[in-house]
Amino acid sequence: MTVATSDGESVWAFRYSSEGKSRSLYFSTDVTALRQLHPDADILRGLGDETRLVVSEPLGDLPGAWNAVPESAAGVVRPGTDEIRQFEPIRP
């Protein structure tokens, strides 16, 4: 499964498969870092500094823009520091 959900401020994204072969999941690099990498990319100028995208496949072709979420991982995107950690459901 790949799932992303939000409360309007934070986004939680999960990538997990009991077989270890879940579909891909990507998150965007910090927008301020992307602006430094690609100063001529007009699309980045209109995004807020805390903007992040979570997608099943990378969008566009900006080098350094996309980061793969590792297998069996959960990510939390919120203002400030984002985090990725190992994830495995608790079995009953």
N, C-alpha and C. Protein backbone atom coordinates (compact mmCIF):
# COMPACT_ATOMS: atom_id res chain seq x y z
N MET A 1 0.84 -1.17 0.00
CA MET A 1 0.00 0.00 0.00
C MET A 1 0.88 1.23 0.00
N THR A 2 0.42 2.27 -0.62
CA THR A 2 1.00 3.59 -0.45
C THR A 2 -0.17 4.51 -0.12
N VAL A 3 -0.02 5.25 0.95
CA VAL A 3 -1.09 6.10 1.45
C VAL A 3 -0.50 7.43 1.90
N ALA A 4 -1.23 8.50 1.65
CA ALA A 4 -0.88 9.80 2.20
C ALA A 4 -2.16 10.42 2.74
N THR A 5 -2.08 11.03 3.91
CA THR A 5 -3.24 11.69 4.52
C THR A 5 -2.77 12.96 5.21
N SER A 6 -3.70 13.87 5.44
CA SER A 6 -3.32 15.16 6.02
C SER A 6 -4.40 15.68 6.95
N ASP A 7 -3.98 16.50 7.92
CA ASP A 7 -4.92 17.22 8.79
C ASP A 7 -4.95 18.70 8.42
N GLY A 8 -4.37 19.07 7.29
CA GLY A 8 -4.33 20.46 6.85
C GLY A 8 -3.03 21.16 7.19
N GLU A 9 -2.27 20.61 8.13
CA GLU A 9 -0.97 21.18 8.48
C GLU A 9 0.14 20.17 8.28
N SER A 10 -0.08 18.93 8.70
CA SER A 10 0.91 17.86 8.54
C SER A 10 0.42 16.85 7.51
N VAL A 11 1.35 16.18 6.86
CA VAL A 11 1.04 15.10 5.93
C VAL A 11 1.78 13.86 6.42
N TRP A 12 1.06 12.76 6.48
CA TRP A 12 1.66 11.47 6.82
C TRP A 12 1.59 10.60 5.58
N ALA A 13 2.71 10.02 5.19
CA ALA A 13 2.77 9.16 4.00
C ALA A 13 3.37 7.82 4.41
N PHE A 14 2.79 6.73 3.90
CA PHE A 14 3.22 5.39 4.26
C PHE A 14 3.47 4.57 3.00
N ARG A 15 4.52 3.79 3.02
CA ARG A 15 4.83 2.85 1.94
C ARG A 15 5.13 1.52 2.60
N TYR A 16 4.25 0.53 2.35
CA TYR A 16 4.42 -0.76 3.02
C TYR A 16 3.77 -1.88 2.21
N SER A 17 4.40 -3.04 2.25
CA SER A 17 3.84 -4.26 1.68
C SER A 17 4.36 -5.42 2.51
N SER A 18 3.48 -6.34 2.88
CA SER A 18 3.92 -7.51 3.65
C SER A 18 4.88 -8.36 2.83
N GLU A 19 4.84 -8.22 1.50
CA GLU A 19 5.75 -8.95 0.62
C GLU A 19 7.03 -8.17 0.34
N GLY A 20 7.09 -6.91 0.79
CA GLY A 20 8.28 -6.09 0.56
C GLY A 20 8.39 -5.55 -0.85
N LYS A 21 7.24 -5.44 -1.54
CA LYS A 21 7.25 -4.95 -2.93
C LYS A 21 6.13 -3.94 -3.14
N SER A 22 6.03 -2.93 -2.28
CA SER A 22 4.95 -1.95 -2.43
C SER A 22 5.23 -1.01 -3.60
N ARG A 23 4.20 -0.35 -4.05
CA ARG A 23 4.32 0.63 -5.14
C ARG A 23 5.22 1.77 -4.68
N SER A 24 5.75 2.50 -5.64
CA SER A 24 6.67 3.59 -5.32
C SER A 24 5.94 4.77 -4.69
N LEU A 25 6.71 5.57 -3.96
CA LEU A 25 6.21 6.79 -3.34
C LEU A 25 7.38 7.76 -3.26
N TYR A 26 7.13 9.02 -3.62
CA TYR A 26 8.18 10.04 -3.66
C TYR A 26 7.71 11.29 -2.93
N PHE A 27 8.66 12.05 -2.42
CA PHE A 27 8.35 13.35 -1.84
C PHE A 27 9.31 14.37 -2.44
N SER A 28 8.86 15.60 -2.51
CA SER A 28 9.68 16.65 -3.11
C SER A 28 10.73 17.16 -2.13
N THR A 29 11.83 17.60 -2.68
CA THR A 29 12.90 18.21 -1.92
C THR A 29 12.45 19.58 -1.41
N ASP A 30 13.00 20.02 -0.32
CA ASP A 30 12.72 21.34 0.25
C ASP A 30 12.77 22.39 -0.86
N VAL A 31 11.74 23.22 -0.95
CA VAL A 31 11.61 24.19 -2.04
C VAL A 31 12.77 25.19 -2.06
N THR A 32 13.24 25.61 -0.89
CA THR A 32 14.36 26.56 -0.88
C THR A 32 15.61 25.94 -1.48
N ALA A 33 15.85 24.65 -1.23
CA ALA A 33 16.99 23.96 -1.83
C ALA A 33 16.80 23.82 -3.34
N LEU A 34 15.56 23.55 -3.76
CA LEU A 34 15.29 23.43 -5.20
C LEU A 34 15.49 24.75 -5.93
N ARG A 35 15.12 25.84 -5.28
CA ARG A 35 15.34 27.16 -5.91
C ARG A 35 16.83 27.43 -6.11
N GLN A 36 17.66 26.99 -5.18
CA GLN A 36 19.10 27.17 -5.32
C GLN A 36 19.65 26.29 -6.43
N LEU A 37 19.12 25.06 -6.55
CA LEU A 37 19.56 24.15 -7.61
C LEU A 37 19.11 24.62 -8.99
N HIS A 38 17.90 25.20 -9.05
CA HIS A 38 17.28 25.56 -10.34
C HIS A 38 16.74 26.99 -10.28
N PRO A 39 17.61 27.99 -10.25
CA PRO A 39 17.16 29.38 -10.12
C PRO A 39 16.31 29.87 -11.29
N ASP A 40 16.37 29.21 -12.43
CA ASP A 40 15.59 29.65 -13.59
C ASP A 40 14.23 28.95 -13.70
N ALA A 41 13.90 28.05 -12.78
CA ALA A 41 12.63 27.32 -12.84
C ALA A 41 11.50 28.20 -12.30
N ASP A 42 10.71 28.77 -13.21
CA ASP A 42 9.62 29.67 -12.84
C ASP A 42 8.61 29.02 -11.89
N ILE A 43 8.35 27.74 -12.09
CA ILE A 43 7.33 27.06 -11.29
C ILE A 43 7.64 27.08 -9.80
N LEU A 44 8.92 27.15 -9.44
CA LEU A 44 9.32 27.13 -8.03
C LEU A 44 9.10 28.47 -7.33
N ARG A 45 9.03 29.54 -8.09
CA ARG A 45 8.87 30.87 -7.50
C ARG A 45 7.52 31.06 -6.82
N GLY A 46 6.50 30.39 -7.33
CA GLY A 46 5.15 30.55 -6.79
C GLY A 46 4.84 29.64 -5.60
N LEU A 47 5.77 28.78 -5.22
CA LEU A 47 5.53 27.85 -4.12
C LEU A 47 6.03 28.43 -2.80
N GLY A 48 5.30 28.19 -1.73
CA GLY A 48 5.74 28.60 -0.40
C GLY A 48 6.93 27.77 0.06
N ASP A 49 7.71 28.33 0.97
CA ASP A 49 8.92 27.65 1.45
C ASP A 49 8.65 26.30 2.10
N GLU A 50 7.46 26.11 2.67
CA GLU A 50 7.13 24.84 3.34
C GLU A 50 6.40 23.86 2.41
N THR A 51 6.26 24.20 1.14
CA THR A 51 5.54 23.33 0.20
C THR A 51 6.29 22.02 0.00
N ARG A 52 5.56 20.91 0.08
CA ARG A 52 6.09 19.59 -0.26
C ARG A 52 5.01 18.87 -1.06
N LEU A 53 5.43 18.03 -1.98
CA LEU A 53 4.51 17.20 -2.73
C LEU A 53 4.81 15.75 -2.43
N VAL A 54 3.78 14.93 -2.32
CA VAL A 54 3.92 13.49 -2.14
C VAL A 54 3.20 12.86 -3.32
N VAL A 55 3.94 12.08 -4.13
CA VAL A 55 3.39 11.54 -5.37
C VAL A 55 3.82 10.09 -5.56
N SER A 56 3.08 9.37 -6.39
CA SER A 56 3.43 7.97 -6.65
C SER A 56 4.59 7.83 -7.63
N GLU A 57 4.76 8.80 -8.50
CA GLU A 57 5.85 8.82 -9.47
C GLU A 57 6.35 10.25 -9.60
N PRO A 58 7.65 10.44 -9.82
CA PRO A 58 8.19 11.80 -9.95
C PRO A 58 7.51 12.59 -11.07
N LEU A 59 7.27 13.86 -10.81
CA LEU A 59 6.70 14.77 -11.79
C LEU A 59 7.81 15.64 -12.35
N GLY A 60 7.81 15.85 -13.65
CA GLY A 60 8.80 16.73 -14.26
C GLY A 60 10.19 16.12 -14.26
N ASP A 61 11.15 16.93 -14.67
CA ASP A 61 12.51 16.40 -14.83
C ASP A 61 13.56 17.27 -14.15
N LEU A 62 13.21 17.92 -13.04
CA LEU A 62 14.19 18.73 -12.32
C LEU A 62 15.11 17.80 -11.52
N PRO A 63 16.39 17.73 -11.86
CA PRO A 63 17.31 16.89 -11.10
C PRO A 63 17.34 17.32 -9.63
N GLY A 64 17.29 16.34 -8.73
CA GLY A 64 17.33 16.61 -7.30
C GLY A 64 15.99 16.98 -6.69
N ALA A 65 14.92 16.97 -7.50
CA ALA A 65 13.62 17.40 -6.99
C ALA A 65 12.88 16.31 -6.22
N TRP A 66 13.17 15.04 -6.52
CA TRP A 66 12.37 13.95 -5.96
C TRP A 66 13.22 12.99 -5.15
N ASN A 67 12.65 12.52 -4.06
CA ASN A 67 13.29 11.57 -3.16
C ASN A 67 12.38 10.37 -2.98
N ALA A 68 12.91 9.19 -3.19
CA ALA A 68 12.12 7.97 -3.03
C ALA A 68 11.93 7.68 -1.54
N VAL A 69 10.70 7.35 -1.17
CA VAL A 69 10.44 6.88 0.18
C VAL A 69 10.86 5.41 0.22
N PRO A 70 11.70 5.02 1.17
CA PRO A 70 12.15 3.63 1.23
C PRO A 70 10.99 2.66 1.49
N GLU A 71 11.18 1.41 1.11
CA GLU A 71 10.22 0.35 1.41
C GLU A 71 10.02 0.28 2.92
N SER A 72 8.79 0.02 3.35
CA SER A 72 8.44 -0.12 4.77
C SER A 72 8.83 1.12 5.57
N ALA A 73 8.38 2.28 5.07
CA ALA A 73 8.71 3.54 5.73
C ALA A 73 7.46 4.41 5.85
N ALA A 74 7.53 5.32 6.81
CA ALA A 74 6.50 6.33 6.99
C ALA A 74 7.19 7.68 7.05
N GLY A 75 6.58 8.67 6.43
CA GLY A 75 7.14 10.01 6.46
C GLY A 75 6.14 10.98 7.05
N VAL A 76 6.66 11.97 7.75
CA VAL A 76 5.84 13.05 8.30
C VAL A 76 6.39 14.35 7.75
N VAL A 77 5.52 15.09 7.07
CA VAL A 77 5.88 16.39 6.51
C VAL A 77 5.07 17.42 7.27
N ARG A 78 5.78 18.36 7.89
CA ARG A 78 5.12 19.42 8.65
C ARG A 78 6.02 20.64 8.64
N PRO A 79 5.50 21.79 9.02
CA PRO A 79 6.38 22.96 9.06
C PRO A 79 7.61 22.67 9.92
N GLY A 80 8.75 23.07 9.41
CA GLY A 80 10.01 22.78 10.10
C GLY A 80 10.67 21.55 9.50
N THR A 81 11.09 20.63 10.34
CA THR A 81 11.84 19.45 9.90
C THR A 81 10.91 18.32 9.51
N ASP A 82 11.13 17.75 8.32
CA ASP A 82 10.40 16.56 7.89
C ASP A 82 11.13 15.33 8.41
N GLU A 83 10.44 14.19 8.48
CA GLU A 83 11.11 13.00 8.96
C GLU A 83 10.60 11.76 8.23
N ILE A 84 11.49 10.80 8.08
CA ILE A 84 11.15 9.48 7.53
C ILE A 84 11.66 8.45 8.52
N ARG A 85 10.81 7.46 8.81
CA ARG A 85 11.22 6.40 9.73
C ARG A 85 10.68 5.06 9.26
N GLN A 86 11.23 4.00 9.79
CA GLN A 86 10.77 2.65 9.46
C GLN A 86 9.32 2.51 9.89
N PHE A 87 8.56 1.69 9.14
CA PHE A 87 7.16 1.45 9.45
C PHE A 87 6.84 -0.01 9.26
N GLU A 88 6.17 -0.59 10.25
CA GLU A 88 5.61 -1.93 10.12
C GLU A 88 4.37 -1.97 10.99
N PRO A 89 3.24 -2.38 10.42
CA PRO A 89 2.00 -2.42 11.21
C PRO A 89 2.15 -3.37 12.40
N ILE A 90 1.44 -3.08 13.45
CA ILE A 90 1.42 -3.97 14.62
C ILE A 90 0.39 -5.07 14.35
N ARG A 91 0.86 -6.28 14.42
CA ARG A 91 -0.04 -7.42 14.17
C ARG A 91 -0.86 -7.74 15.42
N PRO A 92 -2.14 -8.11 15.21
CA PRO A 92 -2.99 -8.43 16.37
C PRO A 92 -2.52 -9.67 17.10
